[in-house]
């Protein structure tokens, strides 16, 4: 039996800074491509984003998992 009041340990504030910083930098890297998509959406341009920016795409995909990690 657990004596804690919550469902699990909360992540410390310092452990949230790095994933959020990485996500912000990834969005800044993808800024131009996202602006182009908003102005003129094509499936080809959407497919090209992960091919041209694999690290930024991976960071954005894994940010929720990094935030959940204790």
PDB file of N, CA and C in Angstrom:
ATOM      1  N   UNK A   1       0.815  -1.164   0.000  1.00  0.00           N
ATOM      2  CA  UNK A   1       0.000   0.000   0.000  1.00  0.00           C
ATOM      3  C   UNK A   1       0.872   1.245   0.000  1.00  0.00           C
ATOM      4  N   UNK A   2       0.453   2.205  -0.767  1.00  0.00           N
ATOM      5  CA  UNK A   2       1.199   3.450  -0.867  1.00  0.00           C
ATOM      6  C   UNK A   2       0.609   4.474   0.082  1.00  0.00           C
ATOM      7  N   UNK A   3       1.472   5.205   0.771  1.00  0.00           N
ATOM      8  CA  UNK A   3       0.987   6.213   1.701  1.00  0.00           C
ATOM      9  C   UNK A   3       0.889   7.586   1.047  1.00  0.00           C
ATOM     10  N   UNK A   4       1.262   7.695  -0.238  1.00  0.00           N
ATOM     11  CA  UNK A   4       1.203   8.974  -0.930  1.00  0.00           C
ATOM     12  C   UNK A   4      -0.217   9.356  -1.289  1.00  0.00           C
ATOM     13  N   UNK A   5      -0.439  10.645  -1.457  1.00  0.00           N
ATOM     14  CA  UNK A   5      -1.788  11.109  -1.747  1.00  0.00           C
ATOM     15  C   UNK A   5      -2.080  11.178  -3.236  1.00  0.00           C
ATOM     16  N   UNK A   6      -1.061  11.165  -4.090  1.00  0.00           N
ATOM     17  CA  UNK A   6      -1.275  11.299  -5.527  1.00  0.00           C
ATOM     18  C   UNK A   6      -1.031   9.998  -6.260  1.00  0.00           C
ATOM     19  N   UNK A   7      -1.258   9.997  -7.556  1.00  0.00           N
ATOM     20  CA  UNK A   7      -1.092   8.781  -8.332  1.00  0.00           C
ATOM     21  C   UNK A   7       0.361   8.378  -8.529  1.00  0.00           C
ATOM     22  N   UNK A   8       1.274   9.289  -8.350  1.00  0.00           N
ATOM     23  CA  UNK A   8       2.683   8.961  -8.511  1.00  0.00           C
ATOM     24  C   UNK A   8       3.543  10.158  -8.181  1.00  0.00           C
ATOM     25  N   UNK A   9       4.848   9.974  -8.257  1.00  0.00           N
ATOM     26  CA  UNK A   9       5.725  11.094  -7.932  1.00  0.00           C
ATOM     27  C   UNK A   9       5.623  12.184  -8.994  1.00  0.00           C
ATOM     28  N   UNK A  10       5.632  13.409  -8.547  1.00  0.00           N
ATOM     29  CA  UNK A  10       5.578  14.537  -9.470  1.00  0.00           C
ATOM     30  C   UNK A  10       6.990  14.841  -9.958  1.00  0.00           C
ATOM     31  N   UNK A  11       7.111  15.197 -11.247  1.00  0.00           N
ATOM     32  CA  UNK A  11       8.428  15.588 -11.719  1.00  0.00           C
ATOM     33  C   UNK A  11       8.850  16.912 -11.095  1.00  0.00           C
ATOM     34  N   UNK A  12      10.121  17.037 -10.823  1.00  0.00           N
ATOM     35  CA  UNK A  12      10.619  18.282 -10.261  1.00  0.00           C
ATOM     36  C   UNK A  12      10.608  19.363 -11.324  1.00  0.00           C
ATOM     37  N   UNK A  13      10.536  20.594 -10.881  1.00  0.00           N
ATOM     38  CA  UNK A  13      10.459  21.716 -11.808  1.00  0.00           C
ATOM     39  C   UNK A  13      11.675  21.753 -12.730  1.00  0.00           C
ATOM     40  N   UNK A  14      12.841  21.452 -12.219  1.00  0.00           N
ATOM     41  CA  UNK A  14      14.057  21.468 -13.025  1.00  0.00           C
ATOM     42  C   UNK A  14      14.053  20.422 -14.123  1.00  0.00           C
ATOM     43  N   UNK A  15      13.359  19.308 -13.900  1.00  0.00           N
ATOM     44  CA  UNK A  15      13.319  18.264 -14.914  1.00  0.00           C
ATOM     45  C   UNK A  15      12.363  18.603 -16.046  1.00  0.00           C
ATOM     46  N   UNK A  16      11.524  19.619 -15.867  1.00  0.00           N
ATOM     47  CA  UNK A  16      10.608  20.041 -16.923  1.00  0.00           C
ATOM     48  C   UNK A  16      11.237  21.079 -17.849  1.00  0.00           C
ATOM     49  N   UNK A  17      12.277  21.731 -17.399  1.00  0.00           N
ATOM     50  CA  UNK A  17      12.874  22.816 -18.175  1.00  0.00           C
ATOM     51  C   UNK A  17      13.492  22.299 -19.465  1.00  0.00           C
ATOM     52  N   UNK A  18      14.240  21.221 -19.402  1.00  0.00           N
ATOM     53  CA  UNK A  18      14.956  20.736 -20.581  1.00  0.00           C
ATOM     54  C   UNK A  18      14.013  20.277 -21.700  1.00  0.00           C
ATOM     55  N   UNK A  19      12.996  19.456 -21.433  1.00  0.00           N
ATOM     56  CA  UNK A  19      12.087  19.083 -22.526  1.00  0.00           C
ATOM     57  C   UNK A  19      11.359  20.276 -23.132  1.00  0.00           C
ATOM     58  N   UNK A  20      10.954  21.231 -22.304  1.00  0.00           N
ATOM     59  CA  UNK A  20      10.272  22.408 -22.823  1.00  0.00           C
ATOM     60  C   UNK A  20      11.214  23.277 -23.651  1.00  0.00           C
ATOM     61  N   UNK A  21      12.455  23.391 -23.220  1.00  0.00           N
ATOM     62  CA  UNK A  21      13.443  24.149 -23.989  1.00  0.00           C
ATOM     63  C   UNK A  21      13.712  23.476 -25.330  1.00  0.00           C
ATOM     64  N   UNK A  22      13.850  22.153 -25.315  1.00  0.00           N
ATOM     65  CA  UNK A  22      14.060  21.417 -26.565  1.00  0.00           C
ATOM     66  C   UNK A  22      12.874  21.579 -27.512  1.00  0.00           C
ATOM     67  N   UNK A  23      11.656  21.528 -26.986  1.00  0.00           N
ATOM     68  CA  UNK A  23      10.467  21.700 -27.826  1.00  0.00           C
ATOM     69  C   UNK A  23      10.418  23.104 -28.418  1.00  0.00           C
ATOM     70  N   UNK A  24      10.766  24.104 -27.625  1.00  0.00           N
ATOM     71  CA  UNK A  24      10.784  25.478 -28.125  1.00  0.00           C
ATOM     72  C   UNK A  24      11.816  25.641 -29.240  1.00  0.00           C
ATOM     73  N   UNK A  25      12.998  25.078 -29.042  1.00  0.00           N
ATOM     74  CA  UNK A  25      14.035  25.170 -30.073  1.00  0.00           C
ATOM     75  C   UNK A  25      13.633  24.408 -31.337  1.00  0.00           C
ATOM     76  N   UNK A  26      12.945  23.291 -31.180  1.00  0.00           N
ATOM     77  CA  UNK A  26      12.465  22.544 -32.344  1.00  0.00           C
ATOM     78  C   UNK A  26      11.434  23.345 -33.119  1.00  0.00           C
ATOM     79  N   UNK A  27      10.533  24.010 -32.404  1.00  0.00           N
ATOM     80  CA  UNK A  27       9.536  24.850 -33.078  1.00  0.00           C
ATOM     81  C   UNK A  27      10.193  26.034 -33.785  1.00  0.00           C
ATOM     82  N   UNK A  28      11.222  26.598 -33.180  1.00  0.00           N
ATOM     83  CA  UNK A  28      11.948  27.685 -33.840  1.00  0.00           C
ATOM     84  C   UNK A  28      12.642  27.189 -35.104  1.00  0.00           C
ATOM     85  N   UNK A  29      13.159  25.963 -35.061  1.00  0.00           N
ATOM     86  CA  UNK A  29      13.792  25.375 -36.241  1.00  0.00           C
ATOM     87  C   UNK A  29      12.777  25.147 -37.356  1.00  0.00           C
ATOM     88  N   UNK A  30      11.565  24.802 -36.995  1.00  0.00           N
ATOM     89  CA  UNK A  30      10.521  24.503 -37.982  1.00  0.00           C
ATOM     90  C   UNK A  30       9.655  25.720 -38.319  1.00  0.00           C
ATOM     91  N   UNK A  31       9.992  26.871 -37.779  1.00  0.00           N
ATOM     92  CA  UNK A  31       9.153  28.065 -37.926  1.00  0.00           C
ATOM     93  C   UNK A  31       8.838  28.405 -39.378  1.00  0.00           C
ATOM     94  N   UNK A  32       9.840  28.431 -40.240  1.00  0.00           N
ATOM     95  CA  UNK A  32       9.618  28.816 -41.640  1.00  0.00           C
ATOM     96  C   UNK A  32       8.735  27.790 -42.353  1.00  0.00           C
ATOM     97  N   UNK A  33       9.009  26.515 -42.123  1.00  0.00           N
ATOM     98  CA  UNK A  33       8.217  25.477 -42.766  1.00  0.00           C
ATOM     99  C   UNK A  33       6.763  25.513 -42.296  1.00  0.00           C
ATOM    100  N   UNK A  34       6.556  25.765 -41.008  1.00  0.00           N
ATOM    101  CA  UNK A  34       5.193  25.846 -40.484  1.00  0.00           C
ATOM    102  C   UNK A  34       4.455  27.064 -41.045  1.00  0.00           C
ATOM    103  N   UNK A  35       5.167  28.180 -41.220  1.00  0.00           N
ATOM    104  CA  UNK A  35       4.551  29.353 -41.833  1.00  0.00           C
ATOM    105  C   UNK A  35       4.147  29.058 -43.275  1.00  0.00           C
ATOM    106  N   UNK A  36       5.017  28.365 -44.014  1.00  0.00           N
ATOM    107  CA  UNK A  36       4.687  28.011 -45.393  1.00  0.00           C
ATOM    108  C   UNK A  36       3.488  27.071 -45.454  1.00  0.00           C
ATOM    109  N   UNK A  37       3.417  26.133 -44.518  1.00  0.00           N
ATOM    110  CA  UNK A  37       2.267  25.224 -44.483  1.00  0.00           C
ATOM    111  C   UNK A  37       0.969  25.978 -44.208  1.00  0.00           C
ATOM    112  N   UNK A  38       1.026  26.950 -43.308  1.00  0.00           N
ATOM    113  CA  UNK A  38      -0.174  27.722 -43.000  1.00  0.00           C
ATOM    114  C   UNK A  38      -0.619  28.574 -44.191  1.00  0.00           C
ATOM    115  N   UNK A  39       0.335  29.083 -44.959  1.00  0.00           N
ATOM    116  CA  UNK A  39      -0.008  29.916 -46.108  1.00  0.00           C
ATOM    117  C   UNK A  39      -0.489  29.096 -47.298  1.00  0.00           C
ATOM    118  N   UNK A  40       0.176  27.961 -47.525  1.00  0.00           N
ATOM    119  CA  UNK A  40      -0.173  27.150 -48.691  1.00  0.00           C
ATOM    120  C   UNK A  40       0.101  25.678 -48.363  1.00  0.00           C
ATOM    121  N   UNK A  41      -0.929  25.000 -47.865  1.00  0.00           N
ATOM    122  CA  UNK A  41      -0.767  23.607 -47.444  1.00  0.00           C
ATOM    123  C   UNK A  41      -0.706  22.669 -48.638  1.00  0.00           C
ATOM    124  N   UNK A  42       0.307  21.808 -48.647  1.00  0.00           N
ATOM    125  CA  UNK A  42       0.358  20.690 -49.592  1.00  0.00           C
ATOM    126  C   UNK A  42       0.841  19.471 -48.813  1.00  0.00           C
ATOM    127  N   UNK A  43       0.384  18.318 -49.226  1.00  0.00           N
ATOM    128  CA  UNK A  43       0.826  17.078 -48.574  1.00  0.00           C
ATOM    129  C   UNK A  43       2.312  16.859 -48.784  1.00  0.00           C
ATOM    130  N   UNK A  44       2.831  17.264 -49.927  1.00  0.00           N
ATOM    131  CA  UNK A  44       4.258  17.094 -50.207  1.00  0.00           C
ATOM    132  C   UNK A  44       5.095  17.908 -49.228  1.00  0.00           C
ATOM    133  N   UNK A  45       4.685  19.145 -48.974  1.00  0.00           N
ATOM    134  CA  UNK A  45       5.450  19.964 -48.031  1.00  0.00           C
ATOM    135  C   UNK A  45       5.351  19.404 -46.614  1.00  0.00           C
ATOM    136  N   UNK A  46       4.210  18.834 -46.259  1.00  0.00           N
ATOM    137  CA  UNK A  46       4.066  18.221 -44.942  1.00  0.00           C
ATOM    138  C   UNK A  46       4.979  17.005 -44.791  1.00  0.00           C
ATOM    139  N   UNK A  47       5.105  16.226 -45.851  1.00  0.00           N
ATOM    140  CA  UNK A  47       5.968  15.040 -45.824  1.00  0.00           C
ATOM    141  C   UNK A  47       7.440  15.429 -45.790  1.00  0.00           C
ATOM    142  N   UNK A  48       7.788  16.545 -46.399  1.00  0.00           N
ATOM    143  CA  UNK A  48       9.175  16.974 -46.456  1.00  0.00           C
ATOM    144  C   UNK A  48       9.719  17.468 -45.119  1.00  0.00           C
ATOM    145  N   UNK A  49       8.847  17.939 -44.254  1.00  0.00           N
ATOM    146  CA  UNK A  49       9.310  18.484 -42.964  1.00  0.00           C
ATOM    147  C   UNK A  49      10.105  17.454 -42.167  1.00  0.00           C
ATOM    148  N   UNK A  50       9.587  16.235 -41.917  1.00  0.00           N
ATOM    149  CA  UNK A  50      10.399  15.278 -41.147  1.00  0.00           C
ATOM    150  C   UNK A  50      11.640  14.807 -41.899  1.00  0.00           C
ATOM    151  N   UNK A  51      11.593  14.846 -43.224  1.00  0.00           N
ATOM    152  CA  UNK A  51      12.762  14.437 -43.992  1.00  0.00           C
ATOM    153  C   UNK A  51      13.879  15.477 -43.919  1.00  0.00           C
ATOM    154  N   UNK A  52      13.521  16.749 -43.870  1.00  0.00           N
ATOM    155  CA  UNK A  52      14.514  17.815 -43.815  1.00  0.00           C
ATOM    156  C   UNK A  52      14.909  18.184 -42.384  1.00  0.00           C
ATOM    157  N   UNK A  53      14.047  17.898 -41.419  1.00  0.00           N
ATOM    158  CA  UNK A  53      14.304  18.254 -40.017  1.00  0.00           C
ATOM    159  C   UNK A  53      13.991  17.068 -39.111  1.00  0.00           C
ATOM    160  N   UNK A  54      14.739  15.974 -39.232  1.00  0.00           N
ATOM    161  CA  UNK A  54      14.399  14.777 -38.438  1.00  0.00           C
ATOM    162  C   UNK A  54      14.571  14.975 -36.925  1.00  0.00           C
ATOM    163  N   UNK A  55      15.578  15.720 -36.505  1.00  0.00           N
ATOM    164  CA  UNK A  55      15.793  15.917 -35.067  1.00  0.00           C
ATOM    165  C   UNK A  55      14.681  16.755 -34.449  1.00  0.00           C
ATOM    166  N   UNK A  56      14.314  17.841 -35.105  1.00  0.00           N
ATOM    167  CA  UNK A  56      13.244  18.689 -34.579  1.00  0.00           C
ATOM    168  C   UNK A  56      11.924  17.923 -34.521  1.00  0.00           C
ATOM    169  N   UNK A  57      11.665  17.110 -35.540  1.00  0.00           N
ATOM    170  CA  UNK A  57      10.440  16.313 -35.565  1.00  0.00           C
ATOM    171  C   UNK A  57      10.439  15.289 -34.431  1.00  0.00           C
ATOM    172  N   UNK A  58      11.570  14.624 -34.225  1.00  0.00           N
ATOM    173  CA  UNK A  58      11.661  13.626 -33.156  1.00  0.00           C
ATOM    174  C   UNK A  58      11.496  14.271 -31.785  1.00  0.00           C
ATOM    175  N   UNK A  59      12.082  15.436 -31.586  1.00  0.00           N
ATOM    176  CA  UNK A  59      11.949  16.127 -30.305  1.00  0.00           C
ATOM    177  C   UNK A  59      10.488  16.459 -30.032  1.00  0.00           C
ATOM    178  N   UNK A  60       9.788  16.964 -31.047  1.00  0.00           N
ATOM    179  CA  UNK A  60       8.373  17.300 -30.847  1.00  0.00           C
ATOM    180  C   UNK A  60       7.517  16.061 -30.603  1.00  0.00           C
ATOM    181  N   UNK A  61       7.847  14.954 -31.259  1.00  0.00           N
ATOM    182  CA  UNK A  61       7.084  13.726 -31.058  1.00  0.00           C
ATOM    183  C   UNK A  61       7.290  13.145 -29.662  1.00  0.00           C
ATOM    184  N   UNK A  62       8.508  13.262 -29.131  1.00  0.00           N
ATOM    185  CA  UNK A  62       8.828  12.649 -27.842  1.00  0.00           C
ATOM    186  C   UNK A  62       8.720  13.603 -26.661  1.00  0.00           C
ATOM    187  N   UNK A  63       8.366  14.854 -26.880  1.00  0.00           N
ATOM    188  CA  UNK A  63       8.233  15.809 -25.775  1.00  0.00           C
ATOM    189  C   UNK A  63       7.201  15.360 -24.740  1.00  0.00           C
ATOM    190  N   UNK A  64       6.016  14.877 -25.132  1.00  0.00           N
ATOM    191  CA  UNK A  64       5.069  14.418 -24.088  1.00  0.00           C
ATOM    192  C   UNK A  64       5.650  13.296 -23.227  1.00  0.00           C
ATOM    193  N   UNK A  65       6.373  12.375 -23.825  1.00  0.00           N
ATOM    194  CA  UNK A  65       6.963  11.284 -23.046  1.00  0.00           C
ATOM    195  C   UNK A  65       8.046  11.811 -22.111  1.00  0.00           C
ATOM    196  N   UNK A  66       8.801  12.805 -22.568  1.00  0.00           N
ATOM    197  CA  UNK A  66       9.846  13.384 -21.714  1.00  0.00           C
ATOM    198  C   UNK A  66       9.237  14.153 -20.550  1.00  0.00           C
ATOM    199  N   UNK A  67       8.065  14.760 -20.765  1.00  0.00           N
ATOM    200  CA  UNK A  67       7.423  15.510 -19.689  1.00  0.00           C
ATOM    201  C   UNK A  67       6.796  14.591 -18.644  1.00  0.00           C
ATOM    202  N   UNK A  68       6.357  13.410 -19.065  1.00  0.00           N
ATOM    203  CA  UNK A  68       5.750  12.446 -18.132  1.00  0.00           C
ATOM    204  C   UNK A  68       6.789  11.724 -17.298  1.00  0.00           C
ATOM    205  N   UNK A  69       8.014  11.691 -17.741  1.00  0.00           N
ATOM    206  CA  UNK A  69       9.062  10.932 -17.080  1.00  0.00           C
ATOM    207  C   UNK A  69       9.417  11.564 -15.741  1.00  0.00           C
ATOM    208  N   UNK A  70       9.474  10.774 -14.655  1.00  0.00           N
ATOM    209  CA  UNK A  70       9.794  11.346 -13.336  1.00  0.00           C
ATOM    210  C   UNK A  70      11.245  11.724 -13.199  1.00  0.00           C
TER     211      UNK A  70
END
